[in-house]
Amino acid sequence: MDQAMPNEPGDTQQDPRQMPPLLRFLGLHLILGMAIGTAFVSLIVLFNLGGLKDLLVAADDPLLPLGLLYIFNVFTFSSASMGIAVMMMRPDA
């Protein structure tokens, strides 16, 4: 009954249930960008910048333009956050 311990020194295999550090790093910055994008659109609509809130209220179907505004801003800010994080990484990481 020779069982190998998963965390022995020199063991290069990772626990398959554990997320790789790079994916965790990118996921964290993805979530950060999503939060920033959502907050950005919410503040634009809340403060009625450019009369956007008035346009949404007057629209027949305000959910479509509002949804598109949220989705594309979340894509933009998430991509920017992940890109900045990757470019600021140390070369040995």
PDB file of N, CA and C in Angstrom:
ATOM      1  N   MET A   1       0.823  -1.190   0.000  1.00  0.00           N
ATOM      2  CA  MET A   1       0.000   0.000   0.000  1.00  0.00           C
ATOM      3  C   MET A   1       0.863   1.247   0.000  1.00  0.00           C
ATOM      4  N   ASP A   2       1.498   1.468  -1.109  1.00  0.00           N
ATOM      5  CA  ASP A   2       2.369   2.620  -1.258  1.00  0.00           C
ATOM      6  C   ASP A   2       1.560   3.755  -1.885  1.00  0.00           C
ATOM      7  N   GLN A   3       1.098   4.671  -1.065  1.00  0.00           N
ATOM      8  CA  GLN A   3       0.300   5.781  -1.555  1.00  0.00           C
ATOM      9  C   GLN A   3       1.132   7.055  -1.525  1.00  0.00           C
ATOM     10  N   ALA A   4       1.116   7.788  -2.616  1.00  0.00           N
ATOM     11  CA  ALA A   4       1.862   9.042  -2.685  1.00  0.00           C
ATOM     12  C   ALA A   4       1.005  10.163  -2.114  1.00  0.00           C
ATOM     13  N   MET A   5       1.629  10.986  -1.331  1.00  0.00           N
ATOM     14  CA  MET A   5       0.949  12.152  -0.785  1.00  0.00           C
ATOM     15  C   MET A   5       0.914  13.229  -1.871  1.00  0.00           C
ATOM     16  N   PRO A   6      -0.196  13.920  -2.060  1.00  0.00           N
ATOM     17  CA  PRO A   6      -0.306  14.873  -3.164  1.00  0.00           C
ATOM     18  C   PRO A   6       0.579  16.102  -3.006  1.00  0.00           C
ATOM     19  N   ASN A   7       0.991  16.455  -1.801  1.00  0.00           N
ATOM     20  CA  ASN A   7       1.755  17.683  -1.596  1.00  0.00           C
ATOM     21  C   ASN A   7       3.192  17.403  -1.181  1.00  0.00           C
ATOM     22  N   GLU A   8       3.765  16.299  -1.613  1.00  0.00           N
ATOM     23  CA  GLU A   8       5.151  15.998  -1.285  1.00  0.00           C
ATOM     24  C   GLU A   8       6.070  16.946  -2.029  1.00  0.00           C
ATOM     25  N   PRO A   9       7.229  17.280  -1.439  1.00  0.00           N
ATOM     26  CA  PRO A   9       8.194  18.111  -2.166  1.00  0.00           C
ATOM     27  C   PRO A   9       8.662  17.380  -3.423  1.00  0.00           C
ATOM     28  N   GLY A  10       8.769  18.098  -4.491  1.00  0.00           N
ATOM     29  CA  GLY A  10       9.192  17.517  -5.753  1.00  0.00           C
ATOM     30  C   GLY A  10       8.044  16.961  -6.573  1.00  0.00           C
ATOM     31  N   ASP A  11       6.852  16.937  -6.012  1.00  0.00           N
ATOM     32  CA  ASP A  11       5.683  16.450  -6.742  1.00  0.00           C
ATOM     33  C   ASP A  11       5.188  17.582  -7.636  1.00  0.00           C
ATOM     34  N   THR A  12       5.218  17.368  -8.943  1.00  0.00           N
ATOM     35  CA  THR A  12       4.849  18.430  -9.880  1.00  0.00           C
ATOM     36  C   THR A  12       3.377  18.395 -10.248  1.00  0.00           C
ATOM     37  N   GLN A  13       2.673  17.342  -9.875  1.00  0.00           N
ATOM     38  CA  GLN A  13       1.259  17.268 -10.213  1.00  0.00           C
ATOM     39  C   GLN A  13       0.447  18.102  -9.236  1.00  0.00           C
ATOM     40  N   GLN A  14      -0.538  18.802  -9.794  1.00  0.00           N
ATOM     41  CA  GLN A  14      -1.423  19.603  -8.965  1.00  0.00           C
ATOM     42  C   GLN A  14      -2.696  18.829  -8.693  1.00  0.00           C
ATOM     43  N   ASP A  15      -3.356  19.219  -7.651  1.00  0.00           N
ATOM     44  CA  ASP A  15      -4.651  18.640  -7.340  1.00  0.00           C
ATOM     45  C   ASP A  15      -5.616  19.065  -8.449  1.00  0.00           C
ATOM     46  N   PRO A  16      -6.291  18.118  -9.110  1.00  0.00           N
ATOM     47  CA  PRO A  16      -7.168  18.499 -10.232  1.00  0.00           C
ATOM     48  C   PRO A  16      -8.347  19.360  -9.803  1.00  0.00           C
ATOM     49  N   ARG A  17      -8.667  19.363  -8.535  1.00  0.00           N
ATOM     50  CA  ARG A  17      -9.779  20.193  -8.060  1.00  0.00           C
ATOM     51  C   ARG A  17      -9.355  21.628  -7.822  1.00  0.00           C
ATOM     52  N   GLN A  18      -8.056  21.897  -7.805  1.00  0.00           N
ATOM     53  CA  GLN A  18      -7.560  23.238  -7.536  1.00  0.00           C
ATOM     54  C   GLN A  18      -7.364  23.990  -8.847  1.00  0.00           C
ATOM     55  N   MET A  19      -7.795  25.231  -8.880  1.00  0.00           N
ATOM     56  CA  MET A  19      -7.693  26.045 -10.081  1.00  0.00           C
ATOM     57  C   MET A  19      -6.238  26.495 -10.256  1.00  0.00           C
ATOM     58  N   PRO A  20      -5.710  26.428 -11.474  1.00  0.00           N
ATOM     59  CA  PRO A  20      -4.342  26.900 -11.714  1.00  0.00           C
ATOM     60  C   PRO A  20      -4.218  28.385 -11.372  1.00  0.00           C
ATOM     61  N   PRO A  21      -3.059  28.803 -10.883  1.00  0.00           N
ATOM     62  CA  PRO A  21      -2.892  30.199 -10.438  1.00  0.00           C
ATOM     63  C   PRO A  21      -3.140  31.221 -11.537  1.00  0.00           C
ATOM     64  N   LEU A  22      -2.751  30.922 -12.768  1.00  0.00           N
ATOM     65  CA  LEU A  22      -2.954  31.897 -13.843  1.00  0.00           C
ATOM     66  C   LEU A  22      -4.443  32.091 -14.142  1.00  0.00           C
ATOM     67  N   LEU A  23      -5.212  31.010 -14.123  1.00  0.00           N
ATOM     68  CA  LEU A  23      -6.656  31.149 -14.347  1.00  0.00           C
ATOM     69  C   LEU A  23      -7.323  31.901 -13.196  1.00  0.00           C
ATOM     70  N   ARG A  24      -6.866  31.660 -11.979  1.00  0.00           N
ATOM     71  CA  ARG A  24      -7.410  32.400 -10.836  1.00  0.00           C
ATOM     72  C   ARG A  24      -7.085  33.885 -10.970  1.00  0.00           C
ATOM     73  N   PHE A  25      -5.860  34.201 -11.412  1.00  0.00           N
ATOM     74  CA  PHE A  25      -5.415  35.576 -11.622  1.00  0.00           C
ATOM     75  C   PHE A  25      -6.290  36.262 -12.676  1.00  0.00           C
ATOM     76  N   LEU A  26      -6.496  35.588 -13.811  1.00  0.00           N
ATOM     77  CA  LEU A  26      -7.317  36.162 -14.876  1.00  0.00           C
ATOM     78  C   LEU A  26      -8.783  36.271 -14.462  1.00  0.00           C
ATOM     79  N   GLY A  27      -9.283  35.274 -13.740  1.00  0.00           N
ATOM     80  CA  GLY A  27     -10.663  35.313 -13.271  1.00  0.00           C
ATOM     81  C   GLY A  27     -10.917  36.461 -12.317  1.00  0.00           C
ATOM     82  N   LEU A  28      -9.956  36.715 -11.446  1.00  0.00           N
ATOM     83  CA  LEU A  28     -10.083  37.833 -10.504  1.00  0.00           C
ATOM     84  C   LEU A  28     -10.173  39.151 -11.260  1.00  0.00           C
ATOM     85  N   HIS A  29      -9.326  39.334 -12.262  1.00  0.00           N
ATOM     86  CA  HIS A  29      -9.351  40.580 -13.019  1.00  0.00           C
ATOM     87  C   HIS A  29     -10.565  40.652 -13.954  1.00  0.00           C
ATOM     88  N   LEU A  30     -11.065  39.510 -14.383  1.00  0.00           N
ATOM     89  CA  LEU A  30     -12.305  39.483 -15.153  1.00  0.00           C
ATOM     90  C   LEU A  30     -13.464  40.004 -14.299  1.00  0.00           C
ATOM     91  N   ILE A  31     -13.559  39.506 -13.085  1.00  0.00           N
ATOM     92  CA  ILE A  31     -14.629  39.933 -12.176  1.00  0.00           C
ATOM     93  C   ILE A  31     -14.476  41.410 -11.815  1.00  0.00           C
ATOM     94  N   LEU A  32     -13.240  41.853 -11.612  1.00  0.00           N
ATOM     95  CA  LEU A  32     -12.991  43.266 -11.319  1.00  0.00           C
ATOM     96  C   LEU A  32     -13.452  44.144 -12.482  1.00  0.00           C
ATOM     97  N   GLY A  33     -13.120  43.758 -13.707  1.00  0.00           N
ATOM     98  CA  GLY A  33     -13.551  44.520 -14.877  1.00  0.00           C
ATOM     99  C   GLY A  33     -15.053  44.516 -15.052  1.00  0.00           C
ATOM    100  N   MET A  34     -15.683  43.376 -14.744  1.00  0.00           N
ATOM    101  CA  MET A  34     -17.148  43.311 -14.825  1.00  0.00           C
ATOM    102  C   MET A  34     -17.788  44.277 -13.833  1.00  0.00           C
ATOM    103  N   ALA A  35     -17.243  44.342 -12.640  1.00  0.00           N
ATOM    104  CA  ALA A  35     -17.785  45.245 -11.620  1.00  0.00           C
ATOM    105  C   ALA A  35     -17.602  46.701 -12.038  1.00  0.00           C
ATOM    106  N   ILE A  36     -16.445  47.022 -12.591  1.00  0.00           N
ATOM    107  CA  ILE A  36     -16.191  48.403 -13.028  1.00  0.00           C
ATOM    108  C   ILE A  36     -17.114  48.768 -14.191  1.00  0.00           C
ATOM    109  N   GLY A  37     -17.281  47.870 -15.154  1.00  0.00           N
ATOM    110  CA  GLY A  37     -18.162  48.142 -16.297  1.00  0.00           C
ATOM    111  C   GLY A  37     -19.610  48.321 -15.875  1.00  0.00           C
ATOM    112  N   THR A  38     -20.057  47.469 -14.954  1.00  0.00           N
ATOM    113  CA  THR A  38     -21.430  47.581 -14.456  1.00  0.00           C
ATOM    114  C   THR A  38     -21.635  48.891 -13.701  1.00  0.00           C
ATOM    115  N   ALA A  39     -20.673  49.254 -12.863  1.00  0.00           N
ATOM    116  CA  ALA A  39     -20.767  50.513 -12.118  1.00  0.00           C
ATOM    117  C   ALA A  39     -20.735  51.713 -13.064  1.00  0.00           C
ATOM    118  N   PHE A  40     -19.912  51.630 -14.094  1.00  0.00           N
ATOM    119  CA  PHE A  40     -19.795  52.724 -15.068  1.00  0.00           C
ATOM    120  C   PHE A  40     -21.129  52.994 -15.759  1.00  0.00           C
ATOM    121  N   VAL A  41     -21.761  51.942 -16.273  1.00  0.00           N
ATOM    122  CA  VAL A  41     -23.040  52.118 -16.970  1.00  0.00           C
ATOM    123  C   VAL A  41     -24.122  52.570 -15.985  1.00  0.00           C
ATOM    124  N   SER A  42     -24.110  51.995 -14.793  1.00  0.00           N
ATOM    125  CA  SER A  42     -25.113  52.385 -13.794  1.00  0.00           C
ATOM    126  C   SER A  42     -24.999  53.867 -13.452  1.00  0.00           C
ATOM    127  N   LEU A  43     -23.788  54.368 -13.313  1.00  0.00           N
ATOM    128  CA  LEU A  43     -23.607  55.793 -12.999  1.00  0.00           C
ATOM    129  C   LEU A  43     -23.991  56.679 -14.179  1.00  0.00           C
ATOM    130  N   ILE A  44     -23.699  56.246 -15.402  1.00  0.00           N
ATOM    131  CA  ILE A  44     -24.097  57.025 -16.575  1.00  0.00           C
ATOM    132  C   ILE A  44     -25.619  57.149 -16.637  1.00  0.00           C
ATOM    133  N   VAL A  45     -26.308  56.044 -16.410  1.00  0.00           N
ATOM    134  CA  VAL A  45     -27.772  56.077 -16.461  1.00  0.00           C
ATOM    135  C   VAL A  45     -28.325  56.850 -15.255  1.00  0.00           C
ATOM    136  N   LEU A  46     -27.752  56.632 -14.082  1.00  0.00           N
ATOM    137  CA  LEU A  46     -28.237  57.295 -12.870  1.00  0.00           C
ATOM    138  C   LEU A  46     -28.114  58.819 -12.969  1.00  0.00           C
ATOM    139  N   PHE A  47     -26.974  59.304 -13.468  1.00  0.00           N
ATOM    140  CA  PHE A  47     -26.758  60.749 -13.559  1.00  0.00           C
ATOM    141  C   PHE A  47     -27.265  61.344 -14.870  1.00  0.00           C
ATOM    142  N   ASN A  48     -27.878  60.514 -15.724  1.00  0.00           N
ATOM    143  CA  ASN A  48     -28.501  60.967 -16.968  1.00  0.00           C
ATOM    144  C   ASN A  48     -27.509  61.721 -17.859  1.00  0.00           C
ATOM    145  N   LEU A  49     -26.299  61.192 -17.987  1.00  0.00           N
ATOM    146  CA  LEU A  49     -25.301  61.841 -18.834  1.00  0.00           C
ATOM    147  C   LEU A  49     -25.731  61.751 -20.291  1.00  0.00           C
ATOM    148  N   GLY A  50     -25.705  62.887 -20.958  1.00  0.00           N
ATOM    149  CA  GLY A  50     -26.094  62.941 -22.367  1.00  0.00           C
ATOM    150  C   GLY A  50     -27.565  62.666 -22.594  1.00  0.00           C
ATOM    151  N   GLY A  51     -28.367  62.719 -21.553  1.00  0.00           N
ATOM    152  CA  GLY A  51     -29.796  62.456 -21.688  1.00  0.00           C
ATOM    153  C   GLY A  51     -30.104  60.982 -21.939  1.00  0.00           C
ATOM    154  N   LEU A  52     -29.168  60.099 -21.568  1.00  0.00           N
ATOM    155  CA  LEU A  52     -29.339  58.677 -21.842  1.00  0.00           C
ATOM    156  C   LEU A  52     -30.522  58.082 -21.083  1.00  0.00           C
ATOM    157  N   LYS A  53     -30.705  58.495 -19.843  1.00  0.00           N
ATOM    158  CA  LYS A  53     -31.829  57.970 -19.061  1.00  0.00           C
ATOM    159  C   LYS A  53     -33.159  58.385 -19.693  1.00  0.00           C
ATOM    160  N   ASP A  54     -33.226  59.611 -20.164  1.00  0.00           N
ATOM    161  CA  ASP A  54     -34.454  60.083 -20.821  1.00  0.00           C
ATOM    162  C   ASP A  54     -34.739  59.286 -22.088  1.00  0.00           C
ATOM    163  N   LEU A  55     -33.684  58.979 -22.847  1.00  0.00           N
ATOM    164  CA  LEU A  55     -33.863  58.181 -24.061  1.00  0.00           C
ATOM    165  C   LEU A  55     -34.343  56.767 -23.725  1.00  0.00           C
ATOM    166  N   LEU A  56     -33.790  56.189 -22.669  1.00  0.00           N
ATOM    167  CA  LEU A  56     -34.196  54.842 -22.269  1.00  0.00           C
ATOM    168  C   LEU A  56     -35.643  54.808 -21.784  1.00  0.00           C
ATOM    169  N   VAL A  57     -36.045  55.833 -21.049  1.00  0.00           N
ATOM    170  CA  VAL A  57     -37.413  55.887 -20.537  1.00  0.00           C
ATOM    171  C   VAL A  57     -38.397  56.066 -21.686  1.00  0.00           C
ATOM    172  N   ALA A  58     -38.018  56.844 -22.706  1.00  0.00           N
ATOM    173  CA  ALA A  58     -38.912  57.116 -23.833  1.00  0.00           C
ATOM    174  C   ALA A  58     -38.939  55.978 -24.856  1.00  0.00           C
ATOM    175  N   ALA A  59     -38.016  55.041 -24.775  1.00  0.00           N
ATOM    176  CA  ALA A  59     -37.944  53.958 -25.759  1.00  0.00           C
ATOM    177  C   ALA A  59     -39.095  52.972 -25.572  1.00  0.00           C
ATOM    178  N   ASP A  60     -39.510  52.348 -26.679  1.00  0.00           N
ATOM    179  CA  ASP A  60     -40.555  51.323 -26.608  1.00  0.00           C
ATOM    180  C   ASP A  60     -40.069  50.092 -25.858  1.00  0.00           C
ATOM    181  N   ASP A  61     -38.843  49.708 -26.113  1.00  0.00           N
ATOM    182  CA  ASP A  61     -38.246  48.541 -25.451  1.00  0.00           C
ATOM    183  C   ASP A  61     -36.904  48.969 -24.856  1.00  0.00           C
ATOM    184  N   PRO A  62     -36.896  49.488 -23.629  1.00  0.00           N
ATOM    185  CA  PRO A  62     -35.638  50.006 -23.059  1.00  0.00           C
ATOM    186  C   PRO A  62     -34.664  48.910 -22.629  1.00  0.00           C
ATOM    187  N   LEU A  63     -35.116  47.669 -22.510  1.00  0.00           N
ATOM    188  CA  LEU A  63     -34.227  46.613 -22.041  1.00  0.00           C
ATOM    189  C   LEU A  63     -33.159  46.250 -23.070  1.00  0.00           C
ATOM    190  N   LEU A  64     -33.489  46.313 -24.353  1.00  0.00           N
ATOM    191  CA  LEU A  64     -32.516  45.971 -25.393  1.00  0.00           C
ATOM    192  C   LEU A  64     -31.338  46.945 -25.402  1.00  0.00           C
ATOM    193  N   PRO A  65     -31.566  48.263 -25.513  1.00  0.00           N
ATOM    194  CA  PRO A  65     -30.399  49.161 -25.512  1.00  0.00           C
ATOM    195  C   PRO A  65     -29.656  49.166 -24.173  1.00  0.00           C
ATOM    196  N   LEU A  66     -30.382  49.027 -23.086  1.00  0.00           N
ATOM    197  CA  LEU A  66     -29.728  48.984 -21.781  1.00  0.00           C
ATOM    198  C   LEU A  66     -28.887  47.722 -21.641  1.00  0.00           C
ATOM    199  N   GLY A  67     -29.415  46.603 -22.092  1.00  0.00           N
ATOM    200  CA  GLY A  67     -28.662  45.352 -22.053  1.00  0.00           C
ATOM    201  C   GLY A  67     -27.418  45.413 -22.911  1.00  0.00           C
ATOM    202  N   LEU A  68     -27.543  45.965 -24.117  1.00  0.00           N
ATOM    203  CA  LEU A  68     -26.386  46.104 -24.992  1.00  0.00           C
ATOM    204  C   LEU A  68     -25.338  47.030 -24.381  1.00  0.00           C
ATOM    205  N   LEU A  69     -25.799  48.089 -23.757  1.00  0.00           N
ATOM    206  CA  LEU A  69     -24.875  49.021 -23.106  1.00  0.00           C
ATOM    207  C   LEU A  69     -24.106  48.320 -21.984  1.00  0.00           C
ATOM    208  N   TYR A  70     -24.813  47.554 -21.165  1.00  0.00           N
ATOM    209  CA  TYR A  70     -24.151  46.815 -20.089  1.00  0.00           C
ATOM    210  C   TYR A  70     -23.196  45.761 -20.636  1.00  0.00           C
ATOM    211  N   ILE A  71     -23.655  44.963 -21.587  1.00  0.00           N
ATOM    212  CA  ILE A  71     -22.840  43.853 -22.100  1.00  0.00           C
ATOM    213  C   ILE A  71     -21.543  44.361 -22.727  1.00  0.00           C
ATOM    214  N   PHE A  72     -21.639  45.353 -23.590  1.00  0.00           N
ATOM    215  CA  PHE A  72     -20.436  45.798 -24.283  1.00  0.00           C
ATOM    216  C   PHE A  72     -19.486  46.575 -23.374  1.00  0.00           C
ATOM    217  N   ASN A  73     -20.012  47.266 -22.387  1.00  0.00           N
ATOM    218  CA  ASN A  73     -19.120  47.920 -21.425  1.00  0.00           C
ATOM    219  C   ASN A  73     -18.457  46.898 -20.510  1.00  0.00           C
ATOM    220  N   VAL A  74     -19.167  45.855 -20.130  1.00  0.00           N
ATOM    221  CA  VAL A  74     -18.565  44.796 -19.321  1.00  0.00           C
ATOM    222  C   VAL A  74     -17.468  44.103 -20.121  1.00  0.00           C
ATOM    223  N   PHE A  75     -17.710  43.806 -21.407  1.00  0.00           N
ATOM    224  CA  PHE A  75     -16.666  43.216 -22.260  1.00  0.00           C
ATOM    225  C   PHE A  75     -15.439  44.118 -22.310  1.00  0.00           C
ATOM    226  N   THR A  76     -15.670  45.408 -22.525  1.00  0.00           N
ATOM    227  CA  THR A  76     -14.565  46.356 -22.675  1.00  0.00           C
ATOM    228  C   THR A  76     -13.751  46.463 -21.396  1.00  0.00           C
ATOM    229  N   PHE A  77     -14.416  46.681 -20.272  1.00  0.00           N
ATOM    230  CA  PHE A  77     -13.687  46.870 -19.024  1.00  0.00           C
ATOM    231  C   PHE A  77     -13.047  45.574 -18.531  1.00  0.00           C
ATOM    232  N   SER A  78     -13.676  44.442 -18.767  1.00  0.00           N
ATOM    233  CA  SER A  78     -13.075  43.165 -18.385  1.00  0.00           C
ATOM    234  C   SER A  78     -11.820  42.891 -19.207  1.00  0.00           C
ATOM    235  N   SER A  79     -11.903  43.124 -20.503  1.00  0.00           N
ATOM    236  CA  SER A  79     -10.736  42.919 -21.364  1.00  0.00           C
ATOM    237  C   SER A  79      -9.602  43.863 -20.993  1.00  0.00           C
ATOM    238  N   ALA A  80      -9.945  45.103 -20.729  1.00  0.00           N
ATOM    239  CA  ALA A  80      -8.914  46.079 -20.347  1.00  0.00           C
ATOM    240  C   ALA A  80      -8.274  45.700 -19.014  1.00  0.00           C
ATOM    241  N   SER A  81      -9.074  45.282 -18.055  1.00  0.00           N
ATOM    242  CA  SER A  81      -8.547  44.894 -16.750  1.00  0.00           C
ATOM    243  C   SER A  81      -7.628  43.684 -16.859  1.00  0.00           C
ATOM    244  N   MET A  82      -8.045  42.683 -17.626  1.00  0.00           N
ATOM    245  CA  MET A  82      -7.213  41.492 -17.794  1.00  0.00           C
ATOM    246  C   MET A  82      -5.942  41.828 -18.576  1.00  0.00           C
ATOM    247  N   GLY A  83      -6.048  42.649 -19.595  1.00  0.00           N
ATOM    248  CA  GLY A  83      -4.883  43.030 -20.383  1.00  0.00           C
ATOM    249  C   GLY A  83      -3.866  43.813 -19.577  1.00  0.00           C
ATOM    250  N   ILE A  84      -4.340  44.761 -18.787  1.00  0.00           N
ATOM    251  CA  ILE A  84      -3.440  45.546 -17.937  1.00  0.00           C
ATOM    252  C   ILE A  84      -2.760  44.641 -16.917  1.00  0.00           C
ATOM    253  N   ALA A  85      -3.513  43.724 -16.327  1.00  0.00           N
ATOM    254  CA  ALA A  85      -2.945  42.815 -15.327  1.00  0.00           C
ATOM    255  C   ALA A  85      -1.867  41.924 -15.939  1.00  0.00           C
ATOM    256  N   VAL A  86      -2.113  41.412 -17.132  1.00  0.00           N
ATOM    257  CA  VAL A  86      -1.132  40.546 -17.783  1.00  0.00           C
ATOM    258  C   VAL A  86       0.116  41.339 -18.156  1.00  0.00           C
ATOM    259  N   MET A  87      -0.056  42.553 -18.667  1.00  0.00           N
ATOM    260  CA  MET A  87       1.098  43.346 -19.066  1.00  0.00           C
ATOM    261  C   MET A  87       1.933  43.823 -17.870  1.00  0.00           C
ATOM    262  N   MET A  88       1.322  43.896 -16.702  1.00  0.00           N
ATOM    263  CA  MET A  88       2.053  44.331 -15.509  1.00  0.00           C
ATOM    264  C   MET A  88       2.666  43.173 -14.727  1.00  0.00           C
ATOM    265  N   MET A  89       2.463  41.932 -15.215  1.00  0.00           N
ATOM    266  CA  MET A  89       3.035  40.780 -14.529  1.00  0.00           C
ATOM    267  C   MET A  89       4.554  40.793 -14.627  1.00  0.00           C
ATOM    268  N   ARG A  90       5.199  40.248 -13.610  1.00  0.00           N
ATOM    269  CA  ARG A  90       6.651  40.087 -13.666  1.00  0.00           C
ATOM    270  C   ARG A  90       6.971  38.978 -14.667  1.00  0.00           C
ATOM    271  N   PRO A  91       8.098  39.070 -15.359  1.00  0.00           N
ATOM    272  CA  PRO A  91       8.430  38.034 -16.354  1.00  0.00           C
ATOM    273  C   PRO A  91       8.615  36.641 -15.763  1.00  0.00           C
ATOM    274  N   ASP A  92       8.984  36.530 -14.495  1.00  0.00           N
ATOM    275  CA  ASP A  92       9.217  35.214 -13.894  1.00  0.00           C
ATOM    276  C   ASP A  92       7.968  34.583 -13.327  1.00  0.00           C
ATOM    277  N   ALA A  93       6.830  35.285 -13.387  1.00  0.00           N
ATOM    278  CA  ALA A  93       5.600  34.761 -12.782  1.00  0.00           C
ATOM    279  C   ALA A  93       4.956  33.696 -13.620  1.00  0.00           C
TER     280      ALA A  93
END
